[in-house]
Amino acid sequence: MVKAENNNPPEINSNFLEIETVRFEDNEVSFCPTRGGIITSLKLHGQEILYLDPKNFENIEENVRGGIPILFPQAGPVDPNSQFSKLKQHGFARNSSNWKFEKTDNGFIEKLSFDEETLEKYPYQFEFSIIGKFEDDGSFTLTQEVKNVGDKEMPIAMGLHPYFKVPANEKNNIGFNFPGGEIVKNQTEIWTNSGTTSIDNPEKLEVEIPNTGNLTITPSSEYQKTWVWSLPEKDFICIEPVMRDVNGIIDNPEKIPPQATFSASVNFKLN
């Protein structure tokens, strides 16, 4: 494993947006409930694996470029002519400042519930939780859990949007060692230039990231797709576990019965 020269996350103005941190042995995770519940930093064995633009983070008029934004109730854009025309791309959870949280011995729990504002965009009653947990092997598991507290079936197509740090000039050297990895490699010119490469969930993604190391991402089967995306000249790659492709919440959503709970999880391990 190649270590980066600087393992510290970018400095954030904590007086503007309060960041919470949990440490477990030589691991550390930080998150910001007032900025969409976003995970801002994740250190595994002392090694920072996430990218974050602090100026972008502090400008609440912009969507955050970095960390792990939470995508709910859907990932990706939605047809503006559909019944969900008021939903922005990637949903509303990432822009909400109404998250509640508690810390645990090895992680945290963040919770977001429906209100009048969410009902205008998404007419369903929900309790949504993000559960972060460090495992005994030093890996980190992030779980999205949704309870339908209403009296009608609720459609979702949620996901996560991790930004992993990598020097812009090293993106061609990333190793994608998993089924479908050859598709990602062959489409490097697409996803490094604002396009998106979508592949079926390979169950386990082994990714060799220059200056970070060998990262294993293990999404549960509820995430049917993985998206890969980046921007030119930016020091990140996004490898996103999502439940469906674009318009999934309309075309083929997961449907949660009344009073039922649905969950999906992703594990991150640095070898």
Protein backbone atom coordinates (compact mmCIF):
# COMPACT_ATOMS: atom_id res chain seq x y z
CA MET A 1 0.00 0.00 0.00
CA VAL A 2 1.35 3.41 -1.02
CA LYS A 3 0.83 6.12 1.58
CA ALA A 4 -0.12 9.65 0.64
CA GLU A 5 2.21 12.38 1.82
CA ASN A 6 -0.60 14.25 3.59
CA ASN A 7 -3.19 12.18 5.44
CA ASN A 8 -5.06 15.11 6.92
CA PRO A 9 -8.43 16.21 5.48
CA PRO A 10 -8.77 19.82 4.29
CA GLU A 11 -9.37 22.41 6.99
CA ILE A 12 -13.03 23.38 7.41
CA ASN A 13 -14.47 26.46 9.09
CA SER A 14 -16.12 24.61 11.97
CA ASN A 15 -17.81 27.79 13.20
CA PHE A 16 -19.92 27.77 10.03
CA LEU A 17 -20.88 24.11 9.81
CA GLU A 18 -20.27 21.91 12.82
CA ILE A 19 -18.51 18.65 12.04
CA GLU A 20 -18.80 15.61 14.33
CA THR A 21 -15.96 13.09 14.62
CA VAL A 22 -15.79 9.54 15.92
CA ARG A 23 -12.47 7.75 16.48
CA PHE A 24 -12.13 3.99 16.78
CA GLU A 25 -8.61 2.65 17.33
CA ASP A 26 -6.57 4.11 14.43
CA ASN A 27 -9.68 4.84 12.35
CA GLU A 28 -11.70 8.05 12.18
CA VAL A 29 -14.90 9.25 10.53
CA SER A 30 -16.36 12.77 10.41
CA PHE A 31 -19.82 13.86 9.34
CA CYS A 32 -21.91 17.03 9.20
CA PRO A 33 -25.62 16.76 10.10
CA THR A 34 -26.35 20.35 9.05
CA ARG A 35 -24.90 19.81 5.55
CA GLY A 36 -27.07 16.96 4.39
CA GLY A 37 -25.62 14.42 6.80
CA ILE A 38 -22.57 14.16 4.54
CA ILE A 39 -19.55 12.12 5.60
CA THR A 40 -16.70 14.61 5.24
CA SER A 41 -13.71 12.45 6.13
CA LEU A 42 -12.91 8.76 6.48
CA LYS A 43 -9.54 7.57 7.73
CA LEU A 44 -8.80 3.86 7.66
CA HIS A 45 -5.69 2.83 9.57
CA GLY A 46 -4.79 6.54 9.71
CA GLN A 47 -5.08 6.97 5.94
CA GLU A 48 -7.55 9.54 4.55
CA ILE A 49 -9.39 8.04 1.57
CA LEU A 50 -11.89 10.80 0.74
CA TYR A 51 -11.58 14.01 -1.27
CA LEU A 52 -13.29 17.21 -0.09
CA ASP A 53 -13.28 20.76 -1.44
CA PRO A 54 -13.59 22.94 1.71
CA LYS A 55 -14.65 26.11 -0.14
CA ASN A 56 -17.39 24.26 -1.93
CA PHE A 57 -18.43 22.60 1.33
CA GLU A 58 -18.86 25.95 3.08
CA ASN A 59 -21.00 27.46 0.30
CA ILE A 60 -24.49 26.18 1.11
CA GLU A 61 -25.75 27.48 -2.24
CA GLU A 62 -23.71 24.74 -3.95
CA ASN A 63 -23.88 20.97 -3.80
CA VAL A 64 -20.82 19.55 -2.05
CA ARG A 65 -18.01 18.21 -4.19
CA GLY A 66 -16.45 15.65 -1.93
CA GLY A 67 -16.96 13.35 1.02
CA ILE A 68 -19.84 10.90 0.80
CA PRO A 69 -23.09 12.73 -0.05
CA ILE A 70 -26.28 10.83 0.80
CA LEU A 71 -28.63 10.24 -2.14
CA PHE A 72 -32.28 9.81 -1.12
CA PRO A 73 -34.95 9.04 -2.19
CA GLN A 74 -33.23 8.58 -5.55
CA ALA A 75 -29.83 8.75 -7.18
CA GLY A 76 -29.39 10.70 -10.39
CA PRO A 77 -31.73 13.07 -12.22
CA VAL A 78 -35.48 12.56 -12.53
CA ASP A 79 -37.70 13.13 -15.57
CA PRO A 80 -39.12 16.67 -15.07
CA ASN A 81 -42.38 15.52 -16.64
CA SER A 82 -42.91 12.75 -14.10
CA GLN A 83 -44.82 12.68 -10.82
CA PHE A 84 -41.50 13.50 -9.11
CA SER A 85 -40.88 16.71 -11.06
CA LYS A 86 -40.09 18.64 -7.85
CA LEU A 87 -37.24 16.33 -6.87
CA LYS A 88 -33.77 17.69 -7.61
CA GLN A 89 -31.01 15.47 -8.93
CA HIS A 90 -29.95 13.00 -6.22
CA GLY A 91 -32.94 13.87 -4.01
CA PHE A 92 -33.32 16.15 -1.01
CA ALA A 93 -31.49 14.38 1.83
CA ARG A 94 -28.08 15.79 0.79
CA ASN A 95 -29.42 19.36 1.12
CA SER A 96 -31.30 18.97 4.39
CA SER A 97 -30.15 20.59 7.63
CA ASN A 98 -32.71 18.65 9.70
CA TRP A 99 -30.63 15.57 10.44
CA LYS A 100 -30.53 14.34 14.05
CA PHE A 101 -27.61 12.24 15.24
CA GLU A 102 -26.06 10.24 18.01
CA LYS A 103 -22.58 8.82 18.38
CA THR A 104 -21.88 5.20 19.24
CA ASP A 105 -18.75 3.47 20.53
CA ASN A 106 -17.66 2.52 17.00
CA GLY A 107 -19.59 4.94 14.78
CA PHE A 108 -22.73 7.05 14.56
CA ILE A 109 -26.39 7.14 13.56
CA GLU A 110 -27.97 10.03 11.64
CA LYS A 111 -31.74 10.27 11.17
CA LEU A 112 -33.97 12.27 8.85
CA SER A 113 -37.78 12.21 8.94
CA PHE A 114 -40.46 13.45 6.58
CA ASP A 115 -41.93 16.91 7.04
CA GLU A 116 -44.18 19.31 5.14
CA GLU A 117 -41.34 20.34 2.84
CA THR A 118 -40.39 16.78 1.86
CA LEU A 119 -44.05 15.83 1.35
CA GLU A 120 -44.38 18.52 -1.31
CA LYS A 121 -41.58 16.88 -3.32
CA TYR A 122 -42.06 13.27 -2.32
CA PRO A 123 -45.52 12.44 -0.91
CA TYR A 124 -44.45 9.62 1.39
CA GLN A 125 -43.92 9.35 5.12
CA PHE A 126 -40.50 7.96 6.00
CA GLU A 127 -37.84 7.62 8.67
CA PHE A 128 -34.41 7.51 7.03
CA SER A 129 -31.25 6.52 8.89
CA ILE A 130 -27.56 6.54 8.01
CA ILE A 131 -25.61 4.16 10.22
CA GLY A 132 -21.81 4.32 10.21
CA LYS A 133 -19.85 1.55 11.93
CA PHE A 134 -16.19 0.57 12.17
CA GLU A 135 -15.74 -3.20 11.99
CA ASP A 136 -13.25 -5.28 13.97
CA ASP A 137 -11.05 -5.68 10.88
CA GLY A 138 -10.63 -1.90 10.57
CA SER A 139 -13.08 -1.51 7.70
CA PHE A 140 -16.07 0.84 7.75
CA THR A 141 -19.69 0.01 6.92
CA LEU A 142 -22.24 2.61 5.90
CA THR A 143 -25.89 1.52 5.98
CA GLN A 144 -28.90 3.30 4.48
CA GLU A 145 -32.07 2.26 6.31
CA VAL A 146 -35.56 3.41 5.36
CA LYS A 147 -38.78 2.78 7.27
CA ASN A 148 -42.10 3.46 5.57
CA VAL A 149 -44.21 4.94 8.39
CA GLY A 150 -47.10 5.80 6.07
CA ASP A 151 -50.08 3.83 4.82
CA LYS A 152 -49.10 3.45 1.14
CA GLU A 153 -46.33 1.71 -0.74
CA MET A 154 -43.20 3.89 -1.01
CA PRO A 155 -40.82 3.87 -4.04
CA ILE A 156 -37.08 4.48 -3.61
CA ALA A 157 -33.91 4.23 -5.74
CA MET A 158 -31.33 5.63 -3.32
CA GLY A 159 -27.53 5.49 -3.30
CA LEU A 160 -24.23 6.89 -2.06
CA HIS A 161 -21.80 9.24 -3.83
CA PRO A 162 -18.25 8.66 -2.43
CA TYR A 163 -15.46 10.93 -3.68
CA PHE A 164 -12.15 9.08 -3.35
CA LYS A 165 -9.01 11.19 -3.59
CA VAL A 166 -6.59 10.56 -6.44
CA PRO A 167 -4.25 12.99 -8.23
CA ALA A 168 -5.84 14.20 -11.46
CA ASN A 169 -2.81 13.09 -13.47
CA GLU A 170 -2.99 9.56 -12.00
CA LYS A 171 -6.55 8.63 -13.00
CA ASN A 172 -5.31 6.60 -15.95
CA ASN A 173 -3.31 4.49 -13.48
CA ILE A 174 -6.24 3.42 -11.32
CA GLY A 175 -6.67 -0.35 -11.28
CA PHE A 176 -10.23 -1.71 -11.52
CA ASN A 177 -9.92 -5.34 -10.49
CA PHE A 178 -13.48 -6.64 -10.60
CA PRO A 179 -16.06 -7.91 -13.13
CA GLY A 180 -16.94 -4.89 -15.26
CA GLY A 181 -13.64 -3.20 -14.46
CA GLU A 182 -12.56 -3.51 -18.07
CA ILE A 183 -15.62 -1.47 -19.06
CA VAL A 184 -14.62 1.28 -16.63
CA LYS A 185 -11.03 1.21 -17.91
CA ASN A 186 -12.11 1.36 -21.54
CA GLN A 187 -14.36 4.33 -20.81
CA THR A 188 -11.74 6.38 -18.97
CA GLU A 189 -12.10 9.27 -21.44
CA ILE A 190 -15.83 9.36 -20.70
CA TRP A 191 -15.92 9.29 -16.91
CA THR A 192 -12.84 11.53 -16.46
CA ASN A 193 -14.58 14.22 -18.53
CA SER A 194 -17.92 14.61 -16.70
CA GLY A 195 -19.55 11.55 -18.24
CA THR A 196 -20.82 8.57 -16.27
CA THR A 197 -19.96 4.90 -16.69
CA SER A 198 -22.61 2.54 -15.30
CA ILE A 199 -21.97 -1.14 -14.61
CA ASP A 200 -23.85 -3.93 -12.85
CA ASN A 201 -22.92 -4.32 -9.19
CA PRO A 202 -19.97 -6.77 -9.19
CA GLU A 203 -20.53 -7.56 -5.47
CA LYS A 204 -16.96 -6.57 -4.62
CA LEU A 205 -14.88 -3.82 -6.20
CA GLU A 206 -11.12 -4.00 -5.70
CA VAL A 207 -9.66 -0.65 -6.74
CA GLU A 208 -5.97 0.29 -6.76
CA ILE A 209 -5.85 4.05 -6.21
CA PRO A 210 -2.47 5.80 -6.65
CA ASN A 211 -1.27 7.53 -3.46
CA THR A 212 -4.03 5.85 -1.42
CA GLY A 213 -3.67 2.09 -1.76
CA ASN A 214 -5.80 -0.96 -2.43
CA LEU A 215 -9.40 -0.15 -1.58
CA THR A 216 -12.10 -2.82 -1.46
CA ILE A 217 -15.68 -1.59 -1.79
CA THR A 218 -18.37 -4.18 -1.03
CA PRO A 219 -21.93 -3.04 -1.74
CA SER A 220 -24.86 -5.22 -0.69
CA SER A 221 -26.99 -6.70 -3.47
CA GLU A 222 -29.68 -4.03 -3.03
CA TYR A 223 -27.38 -1.70 -4.96
CA GLN A 224 -27.87 -3.07 -8.45
CA LYS A 225 -25.57 -0.58 -10.19
CA THR A 226 -22.23 1.16 -9.73
CA TRP A 227 -21.55 4.55 -11.33
CA VAL A 228 -18.06 5.92 -12.01
CA TRP A 229 -17.66 9.66 -12.58
CA SER A 230 -15.13 12.45 -12.29
CA LEU A 231 -14.29 15.95 -13.52
CA PRO A 232 -11.20 16.92 -15.52
CA GLU A 233 -8.31 18.36 -13.51
CA LYS A 234 -9.97 17.47 -10.20
CA ASP A 235 -8.27 15.17 -7.70
CA PHE A 236 -11.05 12.64 -7.20
CA ILE A 237 -12.87 9.66 -8.60
CA CYS A 238 -16.48 8.89 -7.64
CA ILE A 239 -17.40 5.22 -7.38
CA GLU A 240 -21.08 5.26 -6.51
CA PRO A 241 -23.20 2.34 -5.30
CA VAL A 242 -26.77 3.07 -6.48
CA MET A 243 -29.93 0.98 -6.45
CA ARG A 244 -30.99 1.73 -10.02
CA ASP A 245 -29.92 3.65 -13.10
CA VAL A 246 -31.27 7.11 -14.02
CA ASN A 247 -35.06 7.43 -13.56
CA GLY A 248 -35.07 4.24 -11.51
CA ILE A 249 -37.50 5.70 -9.00
CA ILE A 250 -39.98 5.97 -11.88
CA ASP A 251 -39.14 3.02 -14.12
CA ASN A 252 -38.37 0.21 -11.65
CA PRO A 253 -38.17 1.42 -8.04
CA GLU A 254 -37.78 -0.65 -4.92
CA LYS A 255 -41.21 -0.52 -3.26
CA ILE A 256 -41.39 -0.56 0.52
CA PRO A 257 -44.72 -1.74 1.98
CA PRO A 258 -46.37 0.33 4.73
CA GLN A 259 -44.65 -0.04 8.12
CA ALA A 260 -41.82 -2.10 6.57
CA THR A 261 -38.08 -1.30 6.77
CA PHE A 262 -35.57 -1.60 3.94
CA SER A 263 -31.79 -1.37 4.23
CA ALA A 264 -28.68 -1.52 2.07
CA SER A 265 -25.05 -1.25 3.11
CA VAL A 266 -21.55 -0.65 1.71
CA ASN A 267 -18.28 -1.69 3.32
CA PHE A 268 -15.00 0.15 2.69
CA LYS A 269 -11.72 -1.59 3.47
CA LEU A 270 -8.19 -0.37 2.87
CA ASN A 271 -5.71 -3.21 2.45
